[in-house]
Amino acid sequence: MFTSIHIRGEIMQFIYRGVKYNSQPNAAKVREGEVGGKYRGQVWHRHLNTEKAAQKPLHNLKYRGVALTL
């Protein structure tokens, strides 16, 4: 059972069944792009990434001597 979230600055602390976990969300830098359209009378702009997000491998596995990254 998920019990609580405590926010300290940018780091979130989760407590699940008495075990504490820390999570630091990835903040993507974006810039405002061209007009995407109108919604309820307001103009909205597209947001474009300024840098490509680097993804961390989920699992480093080895099968019959061959390294696999998921």
Protein backbone atom coordinates (compact mmCIF):
# COMPACT_ATOMS: atom_id res chain seq x y z
CA MET A 1 0.00 0.00 0.00
CA PHE A 2 1.34 3.41 -0.99
CA THR A 3 1.32 5.57 2.12
CA SER A 4 2.78 9.02 1.50
CA ILE A 5 4.91 11.41 -0.55
CA HIS A 6 7.22 13.96 0.99
CA ILE A 7 8.66 16.63 -1.31
CA ARG A 8 12.01 18.15 -0.37
CA GLY A 9 13.18 20.51 -3.08
CA GLU A 10 13.41 18.48 -6.28
CA ILE A 11 13.75 15.06 -4.63
CA MET A 12 10.57 13.14 -3.83
CA GLN A 13 10.55 10.54 -1.08
CA PHE A 14 8.11 7.67 -1.40
CA ILE A 15 7.16 5.30 1.39
CA TYR A 16 5.66 1.96 0.34
CA ARG A 17 4.93 -0.65 3.00
CA GLY A 18 7.49 0.94 5.31
CA VAL A 19 10.30 1.00 2.72
CA LYS A 20 11.57 4.44 1.70
CA TYR A 21 12.41 5.28 -1.91
CA ASN A 22 13.91 8.49 -3.31
CA SER A 23 13.09 9.76 -6.77
CA GLN A 24 14.63 12.68 -8.60
CA PRO A 25 12.51 13.53 -11.66
CA ASN A 26 14.23 14.37 -14.93
CA ALA A 27 13.68 17.99 -15.90
CA ALA A 28 13.68 18.54 -19.64
CA LYS A 29 14.73 21.92 -21.00
CA VAL A 30 12.27 23.14 -23.63
CA ARG A 31 11.81 26.20 -25.78
CA GLU A 32 8.60 27.66 -27.13
CA GLY A 33 8.05 26.80 -30.77
CA GLU A 34 5.55 27.72 -33.44
CA VAL A 35 1.85 28.22 -32.86
CA GLY A 36 0.15 24.84 -32.55
CA GLY A 37 -3.40 26.10 -32.75
CA LYS A 38 -6.20 27.54 -30.67
CA TYR A 39 -7.95 25.94 -27.73
CA ARG A 40 -10.97 27.61 -26.12
CA GLY A 41 -10.03 30.90 -27.75
CA GLN A 42 -6.41 30.86 -26.53
CA VAL A 43 -3.39 30.38 -28.77
CA TRP A 44 -1.06 27.59 -27.67
CA HIS A 45 2.54 27.03 -28.77
CA ARG A 46 4.42 23.81 -29.30
CA HIS A 47 7.22 23.09 -26.83
CA LEU A 48 10.41 21.72 -28.38
CA ASN A 49 13.23 19.95 -26.56
CA THR A 50 16.51 21.84 -26.55
CA GLU A 51 18.52 18.69 -25.86
CA LYS A 52 17.94 15.01 -26.42
CA ALA A 53 17.04 13.15 -23.25
CA ALA A 54 19.46 10.39 -22.35
CA GLN A 55 17.70 7.23 -21.30
CA LYS A 56 19.27 4.94 -18.75
CA PRO A 57 19.16 1.23 -19.48
CA LEU A 58 16.47 -0.54 -17.47
CA HIS A 59 18.31 -3.83 -17.14
CA ASN A 60 21.77 -5.05 -18.07
CA LEU A 61 21.35 -8.72 -18.88
CA LYS A 62 23.62 -11.40 -20.27
CA TYR A 63 22.35 -14.43 -22.21
CA ARG A 64 24.80 -17.10 -23.36
CA GLY A 65 27.65 -14.60 -23.12
CA VAL A 66 25.90 -11.85 -25.10
CA ALA A 67 25.19 -8.56 -23.30
CA LEU A 68 21.62 -7.30 -23.65
CA THR A 69 20.31 -3.91 -22.58
CA LEU A 70 16.60 -3.32 -22.11
